[in-house]
Amino acid sequence: GFAYGYNPSKIADLFVAGAKDMIFAALIV
């Protein structure tokens, strides 16, 4: 993310959004 030019807040937002999409998968385990 840093290498592509994203700032820390942008990376954090993307990371949280991606983790959120995994809730169903994580709970099912």
PDB file of all heavy atoms in Angstrom:
ATOM      1  N   GLY A   1       0.816  -1.209   0.000  1.00  0.00           N
ATOM      2  CA  GLY A   1       0.000   0.000   0.000  1.00  0.00           C
ATOM      3  C   GLY A   1       0.847   1.255   0.000  1.00  0.00           C
ATOM      4  O   GLY A   1       0.600   2.202  -0.770  1.00  0.00           O
ATOM      5  N   PHE A   2       1.871   1.281   0.853  1.00  0.00           N
ATOM      6  CA  PHE A   2       2.778   2.442   0.888  1.00  0.00           C
ATOM      7  C   PHE A   2       3.519   2.591  -0.434  1.00  0.00           C
ATOM      8  O   PHE A   2       3.687   3.704  -0.946  1.00  0.00           O
ATOM      9  CB  PHE A   2       3.781   2.300   2.040  1.00  0.00           C
ATOM     10  CG  PHE A   2       3.218   2.659   3.386  1.00  0.00           C
ATOM     11  CD1 PHE A   2       3.238   1.747   4.429  1.00  0.00           C
ATOM     12  CD2 PHE A   2       2.672   3.917   3.615  1.00  0.00           C
ATOM     13  CE1 PHE A   2       2.716   2.071   5.680  1.00  0.00           C
ATOM     14  CE2 PHE A   2       2.145   4.263   4.855  1.00  0.00           C
ATOM     15  CZ  PHE A   2       2.171   3.340   5.893  1.00  0.00           C
ATOM     16  N   ALA A   3       3.976   1.467  -0.990  1.00  0.00           N
ATOM     17  CA  ALA A   3       4.725   1.507  -2.247  1.00  0.00           C
ATOM     18  C   ALA A   3       3.882   2.057  -3.391  1.00  0.00           C
ATOM     19  O   ALA A   3       4.400   2.722  -4.302  1.00  0.00           O
ATOM     20  CB  ALA A   3       5.227   0.102  -2.604  1.00  0.00           C
ATOM     21  N   TYR A   4       2.575   1.815  -3.330  1.00  0.00           N
ATOM     22  CA  TYR A   4       1.697   2.301  -4.389  1.00  0.00           C
ATOM     23  C   TYR A   4       1.344   3.783  -4.208  1.00  0.00           C
ATOM     24  O   TYR A   4       0.827   4.422  -5.119  1.00  0.00           O
ATOM     25  CB  TYR A   4       0.415   1.459  -4.437  1.00  0.00           C
ATOM     26  CG  TYR A   4      -0.378   1.659  -5.703  1.00  0.00           C
ATOM     27  CD1 TYR A   4       0.070   1.134  -6.919  1.00  0.00           C
ATOM     28  CD2 TYR A   4      -1.561   2.385  -5.701  1.00  0.00           C
ATOM     29  CE1 TYR A   4      -0.636   1.333  -8.093  1.00  0.00           C
ATOM     30  CE2 TYR A   4      -2.289   2.587  -6.864  1.00  0.00           C
ATOM     31  CZ  TYR A   4      -1.818   2.061  -8.061  1.00  0.00           C
ATOM     32  OH  TYR A   4      -2.531   2.255  -9.222  1.00  0.00           O
ATOM     33  N   GLY A   5       1.641   4.313  -3.022  1.00  0.00           N
ATOM     34  CA  GLY A   5       1.394   5.739  -2.794  1.00  0.00           C
ATOM     35  C   GLY A   5       0.246   6.039  -1.861  1.00  0.00           C
ATOM     36  O   GLY A   5      -0.142   7.202  -1.687  1.00  0.00           O
ATOM     37  N   TYR A   6      -0.337   4.998  -1.221  1.00  0.00           N
ATOM     38  CA  TYR A   6      -1.428   5.235  -0.281  1.00  0.00           C
ATOM     39  C   TYR A   6      -0.882   5.793   1.029  1.00  0.00           C
ATOM     40  O   TYR A   6       0.209   5.418   1.461  1.00  0.00           O
ATOM     41  CB  TYR A   6      -2.192   3.940   0.015  1.00  0.00           C
ATOM     42  CG  TYR A   6      -2.953   3.382  -1.164  1.00  0.00           C
ATOM     43  CD1 TYR A   6      -3.100   1.995  -1.323  1.00  0.00           C
ATOM     44  CD2 TYR A   6      -3.538   4.206  -2.116  1.00  0.00           C
ATOM     45  CE1 TYR A   6      -3.799   1.465  -2.395  1.00  0.00           C
ATOM     46  CE2 TYR A   6      -4.241   3.688  -3.184  1.00  0.00           C
ATOM     47  CZ  TYR A   6      -4.363   2.314  -3.322  1.00  0.00           C
ATOM     48  OH  TYR A   6      -5.056   1.806  -4.383  1.00  0.00           O
ATOM     49  N   ASN A   7      -1.668   6.648   1.666  1.00  0.00           N
ATOM     50  CA  ASN A   7      -1.253   7.143   2.988  1.00  0.00           C
ATOM     51  C   ASN A   7      -1.742   6.161   4.059  1.00  0.00           C
ATOM     52  O   ASN A   7      -2.564   5.289   3.772  1.00  0.00           O
ATOM     53  CB  ASN A   7      -1.778   8.565   3.237  1.00  0.00           C
ATOM     54  CG  ASN A   7      -3.304   8.641   3.211  1.00  0.00           C
ATOM     55  OD1 ASN A   7      -3.991   7.809   3.802  1.00  0.00           O
ATOM     56  ND2 ASN A   7      -3.833   9.652   2.526  1.00  0.00           N
ATOM     57  N   PRO A   8      -1.258   6.306   5.309  1.00  0.00           N
ATOM     58  CA  PRO A   8      -1.621   5.337   6.360  1.00  0.00           C
ATOM     59  C   PRO A   8      -3.129   5.198   6.581  1.00  0.00           C
ATOM     60  O   PRO A   8      -3.626   4.093   6.789  1.00  0.00           O
ATOM     61  CB  PRO A   8      -0.932   5.902   7.603  1.00  0.00           C
ATOM     62  CG  PRO A   8       0.238   6.646   7.068  1.00  0.00           C
ATOM     63  CD  PRO A   8      -0.230   7.248   5.781  1.00  0.00           C
ATOM     64  N   SER A   9      -3.859   6.316   6.521  1.00  0.00           N
ATOM     65  CA  SER A   9      -5.303   6.248   6.752  1.00  0.00           C
ATOM     66  C   SER A   9      -6.014   5.474   5.650  1.00  0.00           C
ATOM     67  O   SER A   9      -6.948   4.707   5.918  1.00  0.00           O
ATOM     68  CB  SER A   9      -5.888   7.663   6.842  1.00  0.00           C
ATOM     69  OG  SER A   9      -5.389   8.323   7.980  1.00  0.00           O
ATOM     70  N   LYS A  10      -5.584   5.671   4.410  1.00  0.00           N
ATOM     71  CA  LYS A  10      -6.176   4.945   3.273  1.00  0.00           C
ATOM     72  C   LYS A  10      -5.941   3.442   3.432  1.00  0.00           C
ATOM     73  O   LYS A  10      -6.848   2.621   3.230  1.00  0.00           O
ATOM     74  CB  LYS A  10      -5.545   5.445   1.967  1.00  0.00           C
ATOM     75  CG  LYS A  10      -5.887   4.644   0.727  1.00  0.00           C
ATOM     76  CD  LYS A  10      -7.276   4.936   0.224  1.00  0.00           C
ATOM     77  CE  LYS A  10      -7.498   4.314  -1.147  1.00  0.00           C
ATOM     78  NZ  LYS A  10      -8.881   4.481  -1.625  1.00  0.00           N
ATOM     79  N   ILE A  11      -4.721   3.068   3.821  1.00  0.00           N
ATOM     80  CA  ILE A  11      -4.384   1.649   4.021  1.00  0.00           C
ATOM     81  C   ILE A  11      -5.247   1.066   5.136  1.00  0.00           C
ATOM     82  O   ILE A  11      -5.785  -0.041   5.017  1.00  0.00           O
ATOM     83  CB  ILE A  11      -2.881   1.480   4.344  1.00  0.00           C
ATOM     84  CG1 ILE A  11      -2.041   1.858   3.115  1.00  0.00           C
ATOM     85  CG2 ILE A  11      -2.566   0.047   4.775  1.00  0.00           C
ATOM     86  CD1 ILE A  11      -0.550   1.956   3.382  1.00  0.00           C
ATOM     87  N   ALA A  12      -5.385   1.830   6.236  1.00  0.00           N
ATOM     88  CA  ALA A  12      -6.197   1.357   7.373  1.00  0.00           C
ATOM     89  C   ALA A  12      -7.650   1.156   6.957  1.00  0.00           C
ATOM     90  O   ALA A  12      -8.280   0.150   7.314  1.00  0.00           O
ATOM     91  CB  ALA A  12      -6.101   2.344   8.533  1.00  0.00           C
ATOM     92  N   ASP A  13      -8.206   2.124   6.189  1.00  0.00           N
ATOM     93  CA  ASP A  13      -9.591   2.000   5.731  1.00  0.00           C
ATOM     94  C   ASP A  13      -9.788   0.760   4.865  1.00  0.00           C
ATOM     95  O   ASP A  13     -10.770   0.017   5.017  1.00  0.00           O
ATOM     96  CB  ASP A  13      -9.999   3.253   4.925  1.00  0.00           C
ATOM     97  CG  ASP A  13     -10.264   4.464   5.817  1.00  0.00           C
ATOM     98  OD1 ASP A  13     -10.514   4.254   7.028  1.00  0.00           O
ATOM     99  OD2 ASP A  13     -10.207   5.596   5.311  1.00  0.00           O
ATOM    100  N   LEU A  14      -8.866   0.542   3.938  1.00  0.00           N
ATOM    101  CA  LEU A  14      -8.955  -0.628   3.047  1.00  0.00           C
ATOM    102  C   LEU A  14      -8.824  -1.923   3.835  1.00  0.00           C
ATOM    103  O   LEU A  14      -9.546  -2.900   3.582  1.00  0.00           O
ATOM    104  CB  LEU A  14      -7.864  -0.559   1.972  1.00  0.00           C
ATOM    105  CG  LEU A  14      -8.036   0.510   0.898  1.00  0.00           C
ATOM    106  CD1 LEU A  14      -6.781   0.605   0.037  1.00  0.00           C
ATOM    107  CD2 LEU A  14      -9.245   0.188   0.017  1.00  0.00           C
ATOM    108  N   PHE A  15      -7.893  -1.919   4.794  1.00  0.00           N
ATOM    109  CA  PHE A  15      -7.663  -3.131   5.586  1.00  0.00           C
ATOM    110  C   PHE A  15      -8.912  -3.509   6.377  1.00  0.00           C
ATOM    111  O   PHE A  15      -9.333  -4.672   6.398  1.00  0.00           O
ATOM    112  CB  PHE A  15      -6.482  -2.917   6.540  1.00  0.00           C
ATOM    113  CG  PHE A  15      -5.883  -4.199   7.055  1.00  0.00           C
ATOM    114  CD1 PHE A  15      -4.782  -4.757   6.446  1.00  0.00           C
ATOM    115  CD2 PHE A  15      -6.439  -4.837   8.160  1.00  0.00           C
ATOM    116  CE1 PHE A  15      -4.235  -5.945   6.912  1.00  0.00           C
ATOM    117  CE2 PHE A  15      -5.905  -6.027   8.633  1.00  0.00           C
ATOM    118  CZ  PHE A  15      -4.798  -6.580   8.000  1.00  0.00           C
ATOM    119  N   VAL A  16      -9.531  -2.504   7.011  1.00  0.00           N
ATOM    120  CA  VAL A  16     -10.743  -2.760   7.802  1.00  0.00           C
ATOM    121  C   VAL A  16     -11.882  -3.231   6.900  1.00  0.00           C
ATOM    122  O   VAL A  16     -12.625  -4.165   7.249  1.00  0.00           O
ATOM    123  CB  VAL A  16     -11.160  -1.489   8.586  1.00  0.00           C
ATOM    124  CG1 VAL A  16     -12.532  -1.666   9.212  1.00  0.00           C
ATOM    125  CG2 VAL A  16     -10.130  -1.185   9.673  1.00  0.00           C
ATOM    126  N   ALA A  17     -12.017  -2.617   5.736  1.00  0.00           N
ATOM    127  CA  ALA A  17     -13.080  -3.016   4.796  1.00  0.00           C
ATOM    128  C   ALA A  17     -12.888  -4.468   4.349  1.00  0.00           C
ATOM    129  O   ALA A  17     -13.848  -5.241   4.269  1.00  0.00           O
ATOM    130  CB  ALA A  17     -13.077  -2.092   3.583  1.00  0.00           C
ATOM    131  N   GLY A  18     -11.636  -4.844   4.078  1.00  0.00           N
ATOM    132  CA  GLY A  18     -11.351  -6.228   3.661  1.00  0.00           C
ATOM    133  C   GLY A  18     -11.611  -7.223   4.770  1.00  0.00           C
ATOM    134  O   GLY A  18     -12.172  -8.299   4.539  1.00  0.00           O
ATOM    135  N   ALA A  19     -11.211  -6.863   5.990  1.00  0.00           N
ATOM    136  CA  ALA A  19     -11.449  -7.748   7.134  1.00  0.00           C
ATOM    137  C   ALA A  19     -12.946  -7.915   7.382  1.00  0.00           C
ATOM    138  O   ALA A  19     -13.420  -9.008   7.713  1.00  0.00           O
ATOM    139  CB  ALA A  19     -10.758  -7.183   8.374  1.00  0.00           C
ATOM    140  N   LYS A  20     -13.698  -6.826   7.189  1.00  0.00           N
ATOM    141  CA  LYS A  20     -15.145  -6.862   7.395  1.00  0.00           C
ATOM    142  C   LYS A  20     -15.814  -7.870   6.448  1.00  0.00           C
ATOM    143  O   LYS A  20     -16.760  -8.548   6.822  1.00  0.00           O
ATOM    144  CB  LYS A  20     -15.718  -5.460   7.169  1.00  0.00           C
ATOM    145  CG  LYS A  20     -17.037  -5.192   7.875  1.00  0.00           C
ATOM    146  CD  LYS A  20     -17.578  -3.818   7.524  1.00  0.00           C
ATOM    147  CE  LYS A  20     -16.717  -2.719   8.109  1.00  0.00           C
ATOM    148  NZ  LYS A  20     -17.260  -1.367   7.789  1.00  0.00           N
ATOM    149  N   ASP A  21     -15.310  -7.928   5.225  1.00  0.00           N
ATOM    150  CA  ASP A  21     -15.870  -8.864   4.230  1.00  0.00           C
ATOM    151  C   ASP A  21     -15.649 -10.325   4.616  1.00  0.00           C
ATOM    152  O   ASP A  21     -16.286 -11.223   4.054  1.00  0.00           O
ATOM    153  CB  ASP A  21     -15.244  -8.612   2.854  1.00  0.00           C
ATOM    154  CG  ASP A  21     -15.730  -7.313   2.233  1.00  0.00           C
ATOM    155  OD1 ASP A  21     -16.788  -6.821   2.667  1.00  0.00           O
ATOM    156  OD2 ASP A  21     -15.051  -6.798   1.324  1.00  0.00           O
ATOM    157  N   MET A  22     -14.716 -10.563   5.544  1.00  0.00           N
ATOM    158  CA  MET A  22     -14.368 -11.929   5.930  1.00  0.00           C
ATOM    159  C   MET A  22     -15.118 -12.418   7.167  1.00  0.00           C
ATOM    160  O   MET A  22     -14.847 -13.513   7.652  1.00  0.00           O
ATOM    161  CB  MET A  22     -12.858 -12.030   6.210  1.00  0.00           C
ATOM    162  CG  MET A  22     -11.965 -11.773   5.014  1.00  0.00           C
ATOM    163  SD  MET A  22     -12.116 -13.065   3.759  1.00  0.00           S
ATOM    164  CE  MET A  22     -12.942 -12.158   2.469  1.00  0.00           C
ATOM    165  N   ILE A  23     -16.047 -11.617   7.685  1.00  0.00           N
ATOM    166  CA  ILE A  23     -16.740 -11.998   8.931  1.00  0.00           C
ATOM    167  C   ILE A  23     -17.445 -13.339   8.798  1.00  0.00           C
ATOM    168  O   ILE A  23     -17.325 -14.219   9.661  1.00  0.00           O
ATOM    169  CB  ILE A  23     -17.736 -10.896   9.360  1.00  0.00           C
ATOM    170  CG1 ILE A  23     -16.962  -9.670   9.860  1.00  0.00           C
ATOM    171  CG2 ILE A  23     -18.669 -11.403  10.460  1.00  0.00           C
ATOM    172  CD1 ILE A  23     -17.829  -8.467  10.177  1.00  0.00           C
ATOM    173  N   PHE A  24     -18.181 -13.522   7.710  1.00  0.00           N
ATOM    174  CA  PHE A  24     -18.905 -14.781   7.507  1.00  0.00           C
ATOM    175  C   PHE A  24     -17.936 -15.965   7.515  1.00  0.00           C
ATOM    176  O   PHE A  24     -18.162 -16.974   8.183  1.00  0.00           O
ATOM    177  CB  PHE A  24     -19.669 -14.731   6.179  1.00  0.00           C
ATOM    178  CG  PHE A  24     -20.460 -15.980   5.883  1.00  0.00           C
ATOM    179  CD1 PHE A  24     -21.746 -16.146   6.389  1.00  0.00           C
ATOM    180  CD2 PHE A  24     -19.922 -16.995   5.103  1.00  0.00           C
ATOM    181  CE1 PHE A  24     -22.479 -17.297   6.114  1.00  0.00           C
ATOM    182  CE2 PHE A  24     -20.639 -18.145   4.823  1.00  0.00           C
ATOM    183  CZ  PHE A  24     -21.921 -18.295   5.331  1.00  0.00           C
ATOM    184  N   ALA A  25     -16.840 -15.829   6.765  1.00  0.00           N
ATOM    185  CA  ALA A  25     -15.861 -16.911   6.668  1.00  0.00           C
ATOM    186  C   ALA A  25     -15.187 -17.187   8.006  1.00  0.00           C
ATOM    187  O   ALA A  25     -14.979 -18.350   8.385  1.00  0.00           O
ATOM    188  CB  ALA A  25     -14.804 -16.553   5.621  1.00  0.00           C
ATOM    189  N   ALA A  26     -14.843 -16.124   8.734  1.00  0.00           N
ATOM    190  CA  ALA A  26     -14.139 -16.292  10.008  1.00  0.00           C
ATOM    191  C   ALA A  26     -15.030 -16.938  11.063  1.00  0.00           C
ATOM    192  O   ALA A  26     -14.584 -17.805  11.827  1.00  0.00           O
ATOM    193  CB  ALA A  26     -13.634 -14.938  10.502  1.00  0.00           C
ATOM    194  N   LEU A  27     -16.296 -16.541  11.108  1.00  0.00           N
ATOM    195  CA  LEU A  27     -17.210 -17.102  12.112  1.00  0.00           C
ATOM    196  C   LEU A  27     -17.544 -18.563  11.824  1.00  0.00           C
ATOM    197  O   LEU A  27     -17.724 -19.367  12.739  1.00  0.00           O
ATOM    198  CB  LEU A  27     -18.498 -16.274  12.171  1.00  0.00           C
ATOM    199  CG  LEU A  27     -18.389 -14.862  12.771  1.00  0.00           C
ATOM    200  CD1 LEU A  27     -19.741 -14.171  12.709  1.00  0.00           C
ATOM    201  CD2 LEU A  27     -17.886 -14.918  14.207  1.00  0.00           C
ATOM    202  N   ILE A  28     -17.614 -18.910  10.554  1.00  0.00           N
ATOM    203  CA  ILE A  28     -18.059 -20.247  10.196  1.00  0.00           C
ATOM    204  C   ILE A  28     -17.056 -21.313  10.638  1.00  0.00           C
ATOM    205  O   ILE A  28     -17.418 -22.452  10.935  1.00  0.00           O
ATOM    206  CB  ILE A  28     -18.336 -20.337   8.676  1.00  0.00           C
ATOM    207  CG1 ILE A  28     -19.471 -21.327   8.423  1.00  0.00           C
ATOM    208  CG2 ILE A  28     -17.101 -20.693   7.877  1.00  0.00           C
ATOM    209  CD1 ILE A  28     -20.105 -21.187   7.061  1.00  0.00           C
ATOM    210  N   VAL A  29     -15.780 -20.933  10.717  1.00  0.00           N
ATOM    211  CA  VAL A  29     -14.747 -21.871  11.185  1.00  0.00           C
ATOM    212  C   VAL A  29     -15.034 -22.269  12.628  1.00  0.00           C
ATOM    213  O   VAL A  29     -14.928 -23.442  13.002  1.00  0.00           O
ATOM    214  CB  VAL A  29     -13.344 -21.227  11.069  1.00  0.00           C
ATOM    215  CG1 VAL A  29     -12.278 -22.154  11.640  1.00  0.00           C
ATOM    216  CG2 VAL A  29     -13.026 -20.900   9.618  1.00  0.00           C
TER     217      VAL A  29
END
